[in-house]
Amino acid sequence: MLKNLIYKGNIKESLENVCIILHMNDERINKLSDTFIEICNYIGLNMEKEDVLKWLNIVELTYIWITSDLIKVDDTLILCVKMCNICKNIFENNIIQLKNLRSQVINDFENKLSIEYIRNFEQILPLPTSESYSISCKILMCFITFYNKINDISDDNNDFNLLTNKIRLSIEYIVRKNIYIENQSTRDGDCIWFLWNIILQLSQSPFINILYKLFIFEWKSNCKKKRLGLLYGSVFLIKYKDINWTDTDLENFDKIKNLSKNFMINIKEKYPKTVKKNKVTYSNINIWDNYIPINKN
């Protein structure tokens, strides 16, 4: 329920729902981490370039929230509002058919990897004897070419948008094709790890490293589909640009912080906790333990 409310950008009901979860402190609170990560994923899949820095801020706060031993009400509510703020303006991207996707990117995988680059990236490439070595070299050269071009232009240039979109489509094609790439450090040949290694090494970006930390948090194989947006969205952080929350946004976040205590008081009054009493049954009591014989008159 909370996830859908945030997707719709419904701030009022989202805040009330979060306060109820925090107040009740039941099994739903354990699912908040997954909910917040899925929302970060949803934004990464569908956001516009203008929202990238806001998204990064949300990812940072989410990672801090899920790794903290304490839950702060005001921080949780502000995170929720920030998520709503972006989600309300999002239009879900249509999924491109794989054959159409292939036609847009396949020519970019034709360049050969030079010996210099092989030396620089040998730690992440499969062994030369691997069946996946050839395709991994082509993928790597594709990304190196894009990154070199991006570094030569301004992020205000329209070509920057075209190139980042090209990288985004290339990542999607490789992932959806489910290309097996042998990994030297693990037995997992899923191409997502090769793609992450390329992006992390090429960019050397602390911002992309934050995305990766959230991506692998308590990783299980079934997390993949719910976190691909973090990988797809990483391409927009190749170059850092200071586009962040507006002054109006910041003022609203301060208001939420100041009012968070009142929110919780209202929720506690509206939804009082019911104390469950444990029923005592004879099946778990030894009646002879406290038996005292009495005389009948």
C-alpha atoms as a PDB file:
ATOM      1  CA  MET A   1       0.000   0.000   0.000  1.00  0.00           C
ATOM      2  CA  LEU A   2       2.716   2.486   0.988  1.00  0.00           C
ATOM      3  CA  LYS A   3       4.659   1.827  -2.213  1.00  0.00           C
ATOM      4  CA  ASN A   4       1.642   2.625  -4.406  1.00  0.00           C
ATOM      5  CA  LEU A   5       0.913   5.796  -2.437  1.00  0.00           C
ATOM      6  CA  ILE A   6       4.472   7.024  -2.981  1.00  0.00           C
ATOM      7  CA  TYR A   7       4.367   6.065  -6.674  1.00  0.00           C
ATOM      8  CA  LYS A   8       1.316   8.328  -7.003  1.00  0.00           C
ATOM      9  CA  GLY A   9       3.078  11.143  -5.134  1.00  0.00           C
ATOM     10  CA  ASN A  10       0.375  11.165  -2.443  1.00  0.00           C
ATOM     11  CA  ILE A  11       2.310  12.890   0.339  1.00  0.00           C
ATOM     12  CA  LYS A  12      -0.457  13.141   2.936  1.00  0.00           C
ATOM     13  CA  GLU A  13      -1.513   9.493   2.850  1.00  0.00           C
ATOM     14  CA  SER A  14       2.081   8.279   2.511  1.00  0.00           C
ATOM     15  CA  LEU A  15       3.118  10.131   5.662  1.00  0.00           C
ATOM     16  CA  GLU A  16       0.120   8.784   7.562  1.00  0.00           C
ATOM     17  CA  ASN A  17       0.886   5.255   6.397  1.00  0.00           C
ATOM     18  CA  VAL A  18       4.538   5.514   7.453  1.00  0.00           C
ATOM     19  CA  CYS A  19       3.553   6.894  10.866  1.00  0.00           C
ATOM     20  CA  ILE A  20       1.126   4.002  11.381  1.00  0.00           C
ATOM     21  CA  ILE A  21       3.859   1.479  10.526  1.00  0.00           C
ATOM     22  CA  LEU A  22       6.347   3.146  12.886  1.00  0.00           C
ATOM     23  CA  HIS A  23       3.734   3.395  15.644  1.00  0.00           C
ATOM     24  CA  MET A  24       2.487  -0.182  15.408  1.00  0.00           C
ATOM     25  CA  ASN A  25       6.049  -1.486  15.119  1.00  0.00           C
ATOM     26  CA  ASP A  26       4.786  -4.805  13.746  1.00  0.00           C
ATOM     27  CA  GLU A  27       6.037  -7.045  10.926  1.00  0.00           C
ATOM     28  CA  ARG A  28       5.407  -4.265   8.370  1.00  0.00           C
ATOM     29  CA  ILE A  29       8.351  -2.272   9.700  1.00  0.00           C
ATOM     30  CA  ASN A  30      10.706  -5.016   8.536  1.00  0.00           C
ATOM     31  CA  LYS A  31       9.429  -4.561   4.980  1.00  0.00           C
ATOM     32  CA  LEU A  32      10.134  -0.814   4.867  1.00  0.00           C
ATOM     33  CA  SER A  33      13.710  -1.396   3.676  1.00  0.00           C
ATOM     34  CA  ASP A  34      12.525  -3.403   0.670  1.00  0.00           C
ATOM     35  CA  THR A  35       9.839  -0.798  -0.066  1.00  0.00           C
ATOM     36  CA  PHE A  36      12.329   2.084  -0.056  1.00  0.00           C
ATOM     37  CA  ILE A  37      14.815   0.194  -2.262  1.00  0.00           C
ATOM     38  CA  GLU A  38      12.061  -0.661  -4.754  1.00  0.00           C
ATOM     39  CA  ILE A  39      11.080   3.006  -4.949  1.00  0.00           C
ATOM     40  CA  CYS A  40      14.719   3.976  -5.626  1.00  0.00           C
ATOM     41  CA  ASN A  41      14.656   1.351  -8.377  1.00  0.00           C
ATOM     42  CA  TYR A  42      11.380   2.707  -9.831  1.00  0.00           C
ATOM     43  CA  ILE A  43      12.771   6.248  -9.982  1.00  0.00           C
ATOM     44  CA  GLY A  44      16.015   5.031 -11.593  1.00  0.00           C
ATOM     45  CA  LEU A  45      14.063   3.256 -14.320  1.00  0.00           C
ATOM     46  CA  ASN A  46      11.835   6.196 -15.213  1.00  0.00           C
ATOM     47  CA  MET A  47      13.397   9.524 -14.154  1.00  0.00           C
ATOM     48  CA  GLU A  48      14.488  12.421 -16.322  1.00  0.00           C
ATOM     49  CA  LYS A  49      18.060  13.730 -16.241  1.00  0.00           C
ATOM     50  CA  GLU A  50      16.949  16.799 -14.273  1.00  0.00           C
ATOM     51  CA  ASP A  51      16.040  14.615 -11.294  1.00  0.00           C
ATOM     52  CA  VAL A  52      19.310  12.679 -11.118  1.00  0.00           C
ATOM     53  CA  LEU A  53      20.856  14.545  -8.183  1.00  0.00           C
ATOM     54  CA  LYS A  54      17.593  14.408  -6.261  1.00  0.00           C
ATOM     55  CA  TRP A  55      17.487  10.672  -6.909  1.00  0.00           C
ATOM     56  CA  LEU A  56      21.085  10.294  -5.713  1.00  0.00           C
ATOM     57  CA  ASN A  57      20.182  12.119  -2.505  1.00  0.00           C
ATOM     58  CA  ILE A  58      17.253   9.715  -1.994  1.00  0.00           C
ATOM     59  CA  VAL A  59      19.518   6.711  -2.627  1.00  0.00           C
ATOM     60  CA  GLU A  60      22.049   8.019  -0.074  1.00  0.00           C
ATOM     61  CA  LEU A  61      19.363   8.595   2.555  1.00  0.00           C
ATOM     62  CA  THR A  62      17.838   5.184   1.853  1.00  0.00           C
ATOM     63  CA  TYR A  63      21.179   3.456   2.342  1.00  0.00           C
ATOM     64  CA  ILE A  64      21.755   5.341   5.607  1.00  0.00           C
ATOM     65  CA  TRP A  65      18.227   4.440   6.749  1.00  0.00           C
ATOM     66  CA  ILE A  66      18.476   0.706   6.059  1.00  0.00           C
ATOM     67  CA  THR A  67      21.944   0.350   7.607  1.00  0.00           C
ATOM     68  CA  SER A  68      21.187   2.330  10.757  1.00  0.00           C
ATOM     69  CA  ASP A  69      20.412   0.641  14.070  1.00  0.00           C
ATOM     70  CA  LEU A  70      17.929   3.373  14.976  1.00  0.00           C
ATOM     71  CA  ILE A  71      14.856   4.641  13.148  1.00  0.00           C
ATOM     72  CA  LYS A  72      14.386   8.401  13.352  1.00  0.00           C
ATOM     73  CA  VAL A  73      10.831   9.466  12.655  1.00  0.00           C
ATOM     74  CA  ASP A  74      11.684  12.846  11.122  1.00  0.00           C
ATOM     75  CA  ASP A  75      14.338  11.364   8.796  1.00  0.00           C
ATOM     76  CA  THR A  76      11.918   8.645   7.676  1.00  0.00           C
ATOM     77  CA  LEU A  77       9.153  11.131   6.909  1.00  0.00           C
ATOM     78  CA  ILE A  78      11.487  13.468   4.998  1.00  0.00           C
ATOM     79  CA  LEU A  79      12.750  10.528   2.921  1.00  0.00           C
ATOM     80  CA  CYS A  80       9.150   9.603   2.167  1.00  0.00           C
ATOM     81  CA  VAL A  81       8.307  13.160   1.059  1.00  0.00           C
ATOM     82  CA  LYS A  82      11.367  13.334  -1.200  1.00  0.00           C
ATOM     83  CA  MET A  83      10.319  10.108  -2.872  1.00  0.00           C
ATOM     84  CA  CYS A  84       6.789  11.414  -3.418  1.00  0.00           C
ATOM     85  CA  ASN A  85       8.192  14.663  -4.785  1.00  0.00           C
ATOM     86  CA  ILE A  86       9.925  12.904  -7.689  1.00  0.00           C
ATOM     87  CA  CYS A  87       7.405  10.103  -8.245  1.00  0.00           C
ATOM     88  CA  LYS A  88       4.476  12.471  -8.786  1.00  0.00           C
ATOM     89  CA  ASN A  89       6.138  13.764 -11.969  1.00  0.00           C
ATOM     90  CA  ILE A  90       7.201  10.387 -13.330  1.00  0.00           C
ATOM     91  CA  PHE A  91       5.714   8.765 -16.383  1.00  0.00           C
ATOM     92  CA  GLU A  92       6.643   5.105 -16.693  1.00  0.00           C
ATOM     93  CA  ASN A  93       8.817   4.351 -19.705  1.00  0.00           C
ATOM     94  CA  ASN A  94       7.446   1.873 -22.200  1.00  0.00           C
ATOM     95  CA  ILE A  95       9.441  -1.331 -22.588  1.00  0.00           C
ATOM     96  CA  ILE A  96      11.155  -1.501 -25.983  1.00  0.00           C
ATOM     97  CA  GLN A  97      10.863  -4.787 -27.855  1.00  0.00           C
ATOM     98  CA  LEU A  98      14.150  -6.664 -27.750  1.00  0.00           C
ATOM     99  CA  LYS A  99      14.581  -6.770 -31.536  1.00  0.00           C
ATOM    100  CA  ASN A 100      14.067  -2.993 -31.751  1.00  0.00           C
ATOM    101  CA  LEU A 101      16.463  -2.495 -28.873  1.00  0.00           C
ATOM    102  CA  ARG A 102      19.050  -4.647 -30.629  1.00  0.00           C
ATOM    103  CA  SER A 103      18.824  -2.601 -33.821  1.00  0.00           C
ATOM    104  CA  GLN A 104      19.611   0.578 -31.853  1.00  0.00           C
ATOM    105  CA  VAL A 105      22.764  -0.714 -30.149  1.00  0.00           C
ATOM    106  CA  ILE A 106      24.213  -3.725 -31.971  1.00  0.00           C
ATOM    107  CA  ASN A 107      26.601  -1.715 -34.192  1.00  0.00           C
ATOM    108  CA  ASP A 108      28.255  -0.267 -31.081  1.00  0.00           C
ATOM    109  CA  PHE A 109      29.580  -3.705 -30.121  1.00  0.00           C
ATOM    110  CA  GLU A 110      31.740  -4.176 -33.216  1.00  0.00           C
ATOM    111  CA  ASN A 111      34.958  -2.442 -32.127  1.00  0.00           C
ATOM    112  CA  LYS A 112      37.925  -4.474 -30.935  1.00  0.00           C
ATOM    113  CA  LEU A 113      39.523  -3.939 -27.551  1.00  0.00           C
ATOM    114  CA  SER A 114      43.101  -2.680 -27.727  1.00  0.00           C
ATOM    115  CA  ILE A 115      45.948  -4.366 -25.839  1.00  0.00           C
ATOM    116  CA  GLU A 116      46.292  -1.271 -23.630  1.00  0.00           C
ATOM    117  CA  TYR A 117      42.698  -1.555 -22.441  1.00  0.00           C
ATOM    118  CA  ILE A 118      43.029  -5.317 -21.969  1.00  0.00           C
ATOM    119  CA  ARG A 119      45.877  -4.657 -19.529  1.00  0.00           C
ATOM    120  CA  ASN A 120      43.947  -1.938 -17.712  1.00  0.00           C
ATOM    121  CA  PHE A 121      40.825  -4.053 -17.286  1.00  0.00           C
ATOM    122  CA  GLU A 122      42.239  -7.562 -16.997  1.00  0.00           C
ATOM    123  CA  GLN A 123      40.975  -7.809 -13.402  1.00  0.00           C
ATOM    124  CA  ILE A 124      37.352  -7.664 -14.522  1.00  0.00           C
ATOM    125  CA  LEU A 125      37.626  -9.477 -17.865  1.00  0.00           C
ATOM    126  CA  PRO A 126      37.085 -13.241 -18.024  1.00  0.00           C
ATOM    127  CA  LEU A 127      40.150 -15.378 -18.672  1.00  0.00           C
ATOM    128  CA  PRO A 128      41.198 -15.417 -22.368  1.00  0.00           C
ATOM    129  CA  THR A 129      40.319 -19.099 -22.479  1.00  0.00           C
ATOM    130  CA  SER A 130      36.715 -18.404 -21.469  1.00  0.00           C
ATOM    131  CA  GLU A 131      33.908 -18.666 -24.031  1.00  0.00           C
ATOM    132  CA  SER A 132      32.641 -15.283 -22.829  1.00  0.00           C
ATOM    133  CA  TYR A 133      35.982 -13.505 -23.355  1.00  0.00           C
ATOM    134  CA  SER A 134      35.270 -12.311 -26.896  1.00  0.00           C
ATOM    135  CA  ILE A 135      31.838 -10.817 -26.181  1.00  0.00           C
ATOM    136  CA  SER A 136      33.040  -9.227 -22.935  1.00  0.00           C
ATOM    137  CA  CYS A 137      35.848  -7.452 -24.833  1.00  0.00           C
ATOM    138  CA  LYS A 138      33.319  -6.041 -27.300  1.00  0.00           C
ATOM    139  CA  ILE A 139      31.035  -4.859 -24.496  1.00  0.00           C
ATOM    140  CA  LEU A 140      33.933  -3.247 -22.662  1.00  0.00           C
ATOM    141  CA  MET A 141      35.144  -1.432 -25.795  1.00  0.00           C
ATOM    142  CA  CYS A 142      31.617  -0.164 -26.416  1.00  0.00           C
ATOM    143  CA  PHE A 143      31.490   1.439 -22.964  1.00  0.00           C
ATOM    144  CA  ILE A 144      35.015   2.828 -23.179  1.00  0.00           C
ATOM    145  CA  THR A 145      34.134   4.512 -26.490  1.00  0.00           C
ATOM    146  CA  PHE A 146      31.005   6.088 -25.013  1.00  0.00           C
ATOM    147  CA  TYR A 147      32.821   7.264 -21.890  1.00  0.00           C
ATOM    148  CA  ASN A 148      35.629   8.849 -23.875  1.00  0.00           C
ATOM    149  CA  LYS A 149      33.130  10.749 -26.008  1.00  0.00           C
ATOM    150  CA  ILE A 150      31.206  11.926 -22.941  1.00  0.00           C
ATOM    151  CA  ASN A 151      34.353  13.246 -21.286  1.00  0.00           C
ATOM    152  CA  ASP A 152      34.981  15.461 -24.307  1.00  0.00           C
ATOM    153  CA  ILE A 153      31.630  17.275 -24.198  1.00  0.00           C
ATOM    154  CA  SER A 154      29.670  19.395 -21.762  1.00  0.00           C
ATOM    155  CA  ASP A 155      26.744  17.829 -19.922  1.00  0.00           C
ATOM    156  CA  ASP A 156      24.621  20.714 -21.225  1.00  0.00           C
ATOM    157  CA  ASN A 157      25.300  19.554 -24.767  1.00  0.00           C
ATOM    158  CA  ASN A 158      22.494  17.668 -26.461  1.00  0.00           C
ATOM    159  CA  ASP A 159      25.032  15.029 -27.514  1.00  0.00           C
ATOM    160  CA  PHE A 160      25.537  14.248 -23.828  1.00  0.00           C
ATOM    161  CA  ASN A 161      21.885  13.255 -23.538  1.00  0.00           C
ATOM    162  CA  LEU A 162      22.134  11.129 -26.670  1.00  0.00           C
ATOM    163  CA  LEU A 163      25.243   9.341 -25.436  1.00  0.00           C
ATOM    164  CA  THR A 164      23.933   8.635 -21.926  1.00  0.00           C
ATOM    165  CA  ASN A 165      20.746   7.290 -23.480  1.00  0.00           C
ATOM    166  CA  LYS A 166      22.850   5.074 -25.742  1.00  0.00           C
ATOM    167  CA  ILE A 167      24.674   3.655 -22.728  1.00  0.00           C
ATOM    168  CA  ARG A 168      21.377   3.154 -20.939  1.00  0.00           C
ATOM    169  CA  LEU A 169      19.960   1.217 -23.913  1.00  0.00           C
ATOM    170  CA  SER A 170      23.155  -0.835 -24.238  1.00  0.00           C
ATOM    171  CA  ILE A 171      22.931  -1.857 -20.589  1.00  0.00           C
ATOM    172  CA  GLU A 172      19.288  -2.799 -20.997  1.00  0.00           C
ATOM    173  CA  TYR A 173      20.022  -4.861 -24.099  1.00  0.00           C
ATOM    174  CA  ILE A 174      22.856  -6.803 -22.427  1.00  0.00           C
ATOM    175  CA  VAL A 175      20.766  -7.449 -19.301  1.00  0.00           C
ATOM    176  CA  ARG A 176      17.647  -8.529 -21.176  1.00  0.00           C
ATOM    177  CA  LYS A 177      19.733 -10.710 -23.486  1.00  0.00           C
ATOM    178  CA  ASN A 178      21.030 -12.323 -20.292  1.00  0.00           C
ATOM    179  CA  ILE A 179      24.537 -12.642 -21.706  1.00  0.00           C
ATOM    180  CA  TYR A 180      26.702 -14.968 -19.640  1.00  0.00           C
ATOM    181  CA  ILE A 181      30.067 -13.463 -18.692  1.00  0.00           C
ATOM    182  CA  GLU A 182      32.413 -15.497 -16.579  1.00  0.00           C
ATOM    183  CA  ASN A 183      33.464 -13.746 -13.403  1.00  0.00           C
ATOM    184  CA  GLN A 184      36.967 -14.286 -12.028  1.00  0.00           C
ATOM    185  CA  SER A 185      36.014 -13.456  -8.445  1.00  0.00           C
ATOM    186  CA  THR A 186      32.699 -15.333  -8.136  1.00  0.00           C
ATOM    187  CA  ARG A 187      30.864 -18.216  -9.758  1.00  0.00           C
ATOM    188  CA  ASP A 188      28.011 -15.933 -10.716  1.00  0.00           C
ATOM    189  CA  GLY A 189      28.183 -15.314 -14.463  1.00  0.00           C
ATOM    190  CA  ASP A 190      25.333 -12.822 -14.526  1.00  0.00           C
ATOM    191  CA  CYS A 191      26.305  -9.919 -16.778  1.00  0.00           C
ATOM    192  CA  ILE A 192      25.162  -7.327 -14.221  1.00  0.00           C
ATOM    193  CA  TRP A 193      28.399  -7.767 -12.236  1.00  0.00           C
ATOM    194  CA  PHE A 194      30.533  -7.230 -15.326  1.00  0.00           C
ATOM    195  CA  LEU A 195      28.542  -4.098 -16.178  1.00  0.00           C
ATOM    196  CA  TRP A 196      28.893  -2.732 -12.645  1.00  0.00           C
ATOM    197  CA  ASN A 197      32.650  -3.386 -12.714  1.00  0.00           C
ATOM    198  CA  ILE A 198      32.988  -1.515 -16.006  1.00  0.00           C
ATOM    199  CA  ILE A 199      30.988   1.489 -14.800  1.00  0.00           C
ATOM    200  CA  LEU A 200      32.732   1.670 -11.431  1.00  0.00           C
ATOM    201  CA  GLN A 201      36.216   1.438 -12.938  1.00  0.00           C
ATOM    202  CA  LEU A 202      35.574   3.857 -15.793  1.00  0.00           C
ATOM    203  CA  SER A 203      33.814   6.512 -13.736  1.00  0.00           C
ATOM    204  CA  GLN A 204      35.760   6.243 -10.454  1.00  0.00           C
ATOM    205  CA  SER A 205      32.709   8.006  -9.065  1.00  0.00           C
ATOM    206  CA  PRO A 206      31.821   8.007  -5.348  1.00  0.00           C
ATOM    207  CA  PHE A 207      28.220   8.710  -6.372  1.00  0.00           C
ATOM    208  CA  ILE A 208      27.968   5.587  -8.501  1.00  0.00           C
ATOM    209  CA  ASN A 209      29.611   3.662  -5.657  1.00  0.00           C
ATOM    210  CA  ILE A 210      26.660   4.656  -3.452  1.00  0.00           C
ATOM    211  CA  LEU A 211      24.264   3.171  -6.012  1.00  0.00           C
ATOM    212  CA  TYR A 212      26.286  -0.040  -6.056  1.00  0.00           C
ATOM    213  CA  LYS A 213      26.220  -0.340  -2.263  1.00  0.00           C
ATOM    214  CA  LEU A 214      22.445  -0.109  -2.263  1.00  0.00           C
ATOM    215  CA  PHE A 215      22.238  -2.539  -5.197  1.00  0.00           C
ATOM    216  CA  ILE A 216      24.140  -5.283  -3.337  1.00  0.00           C
ATOM    217  CA  PHE A 217      22.588  -4.675   0.093  1.00  0.00           C
ATOM    218  CA  GLU A 218      21.545  -8.074   1.499  1.00  0.00           C
ATOM    219  CA  TRP A 219      21.752  -9.396  -2.053  1.00  0.00           C
ATOM    220  CA  LYS A 220      19.765 -12.407  -3.164  1.00  0.00           C
ATOM    221  CA  SER A 221      19.234 -13.554  -6.741  1.00  0.00           C
ATOM    222  CA  ASN A 222      15.537 -12.602  -6.594  1.00  0.00           C
ATOM    223  CA  CYS A 223      16.530  -8.970  -5.886  1.00  0.00           C
ATOM    224  CA  LYS A 224      17.764  -8.436  -9.440  1.00  0.00           C
ATOM    225  CA  LYS A 225      14.534  -7.302 -11.122  1.00  0.00           C
ATOM    226  CA  LYS A 226      13.721  -5.016  -8.207  1.00  0.00           C
ATOM    227  CA  ARG A 227      17.075  -3.205  -8.382  1.00  0.00           C
ATOM    228  CA  LEU A 228      17.988  -2.877 -12.057  1.00  0.00           C
ATOM    229  CA  GLY A 229      16.891   0.765 -11.981  1.00  0.00           C
ATOM    230  CA  LEU A 230      19.965   1.530  -9.847  1.00  0.00           C
ATOM    231  CA  LEU A 231      22.203   0.128 -12.587  1.00  0.00           C
ATOM    232  CA  TYR A 232      20.291   1.819 -15.421  1.00  0.00           C
ATOM    233  CA  GLY A 233      20.220   5.178 -13.637  1.00  0.00           C
ATOM    234  CA  SER A 234      23.965   5.136 -12.952  1.00  0.00           C
ATOM    235  CA  VAL A 235      24.695   6.363 -16.493  1.00  0.00           C
ATOM    236  CA  PHE A 236      23.318   9.811 -15.629  1.00  0.00           C
ATOM    237  CA  LEU A 237      25.950  10.216 -12.916  1.00  0.00           C
ATOM    238  CA  ILE A 238      28.906   9.863 -15.264  1.00  0.00           C
ATOM    239  CA  LYS A 239      29.300  13.600 -14.938  1.00  0.00           C
ATOM    240  CA  TYR A 240      28.321  15.330 -11.722  1.00  0.00           C
ATOM    241  CA  LYS A 241      26.085  18.346 -12.056  1.00  0.00           C
ATOM    242  CA  ASP A 242      24.781  20.373  -9.138  1.00  0.00           C
ATOM    243  CA  ILE A 243      21.051  20.117  -9.769  1.00  0.00           C
ATOM    244  CA  ASN A 244      19.346  19.618  -6.465  1.00  0.00           C
ATOM    245  CA  TRP A 245      16.249  20.403  -4.416  1.00  0.00           C
ATOM    246  CA  THR A 246      14.687  23.849  -4.805  1.00  0.00           C
ATOM    247  CA  ASP A 247      14.426  26.321  -1.923  1.00  0.00           C
ATOM    248  CA  THR A 248      10.708  25.533  -1.713  1.00  0.00           C
ATOM    249  CA  ASP A 249      11.499  21.816  -1.412  1.00  0.00           C
ATOM    250  CA  LEU A 250      13.986  22.475   1.387  1.00  0.00           C
ATOM    251  CA  GLU A 251      11.493  24.653   3.263  1.00  0.00           C
ATOM    252  CA  ASN A 252       8.898  21.881   3.041  1.00  0.00           C
ATOM    253  CA  PHE A 253      11.374  19.310   4.350  1.00  0.00           C
ATOM    254  CA  ASP A 254      12.087  21.550   7.352  1.00  0.00           C
ATOM    255  CA  LYS A 255       8.356  21.822   8.030  1.00  0.00           C
ATOM    256  CA  ILE A 256       8.024  18.030   7.939  1.00  0.00           C
ATOM    257  CA  LYS A 257      10.923  17.693  10.369  1.00  0.00           C
ATOM    258  CA  ASN A 258       9.358  20.162  12.810  1.00  0.00           C
ATOM    259  CA  LEU A 259       5.926  18.547  12.551  1.00  0.00           C
ATOM    260  CA  SER A 260       7.052  14.911  12.718  1.00  0.00           C
ATOM    261  CA  LYS A 261       6.423  14.681  16.474  1.00  0.00           C
ATOM    262  CA  ASN A 262       2.863  15.968  16.033  1.00  0.00           C
ATOM    263  CA  PHE A 263       2.272  13.469  13.237  1.00  0.00           C
ATOM    264  CA  MET A 264       3.163  10.590  15.524  1.00  0.00           C
ATOM    265  CA  ILE A 265       1.045  11.933  18.413  1.00  0.00           C
ATOM    266  CA  ASN A 266      -1.991  12.190  16.130  1.00  0.00           C
ATOM    267  CA  ILE A 267      -1.461   8.675  14.805  1.00  0.00           C
ATOM    268  CA  LYS A 268      -1.120   7.250  18.323  1.00  0.00           C
ATOM    269  CA  GLU A 269      -4.400   8.881  19.318  1.00  0.00           C
ATOM    270  CA  LYS A 270      -6.146   7.781  16.139  1.00  0.00           C
ATOM    271  CA  TYR A 271      -4.800   4.216  16.165  1.00  0.00           C
ATOM    272  CA  PRO A 272      -4.232   3.131  19.779  1.00  0.00           C
ATOM    273  CA  LYS A 273      -2.389  -0.127  20.236  1.00  0.00           C
ATOM    274  CA  THR A 274      -4.358  -3.051  21.619  1.00  0.00           C
ATOM    275  CA  VAL A 275      -2.530  -5.040  24.244  1.00  0.00           C
ATOM    276  CA  LYS A 276      -2.907  -8.758  23.792  1.00  0.00           C
ATOM    277  CA  LYS A 277      -3.293 -10.777  26.966  1.00  0.00           C
ATOM    278  CA  ASN A 278      -1.950 -14.274  27.025  1.00  0.00           C
ATOM    279  CA  LYS A 279      -4.626 -16.761  27.975  1.00  0.00           C
ATOM    280  CA  VAL A 280      -3.675 -19.193  30.704  1.00  0.00           C
ATOM    281  CA  THR A 281      -4.674 -22.768  30.020  1.00  0.00           C
ATOM    282  CA  TYR A 282      -4.388 -25.816  32.147  1.00  0.00           C
ATOM    283  CA  SER A 283      -2.377 -27.556  29.473  1.00  0.00           C
ATOM    284  CA  ASN A 284       0.726 -25.525  30.345  1.00  0.00           C
ATOM    285  CA  ILE A 285       0.340 -25.472  34.158  1.00  0.00           C
ATOM    286  CA  ASN A 286       1.205 -28.198  36.667  1.00  0.00           C
ATOM    287  CA  ILE A 287      -1.619 -27.861  39.179  1.00  0.00           C
ATOM    288  CA  TRP A 288       0.309 -29.816  41.796  1.00  0.00           C
ATOM    289  CA  ASP A 289       3.147 -27.279  42.040  1.00  0.00           C
ATOM    290  CA  ASN A 290       1.136 -24.943  44.296  1.00  0.00           C
ATOM    291  CA  TYR A 291      -1.366 -27.432  45.723  1.00  0.00           C
ATOM    292  CA  ILE A 292      -2.089 -27.049  49.446  1.00  0.00           C
ATOM    293  CA  PRO A 293      -4.372 -29.678  51.019  1.00  0.00           C
ATOM    294  CA  ILE A 294      -7.192 -28.327  53.189  1.00  0.00           C
ATOM    295  CA  ASN A 295      -9.405 -29.964  55.808  1.00  0.00           C
ATOM    296  CA  LYS A 296     -13.108 -30.304  55.217  1.00  0.00           C
ATOM    297  CA  ASN A 297     -15.331 -29.389  58.112  1.00  0.00           C
END
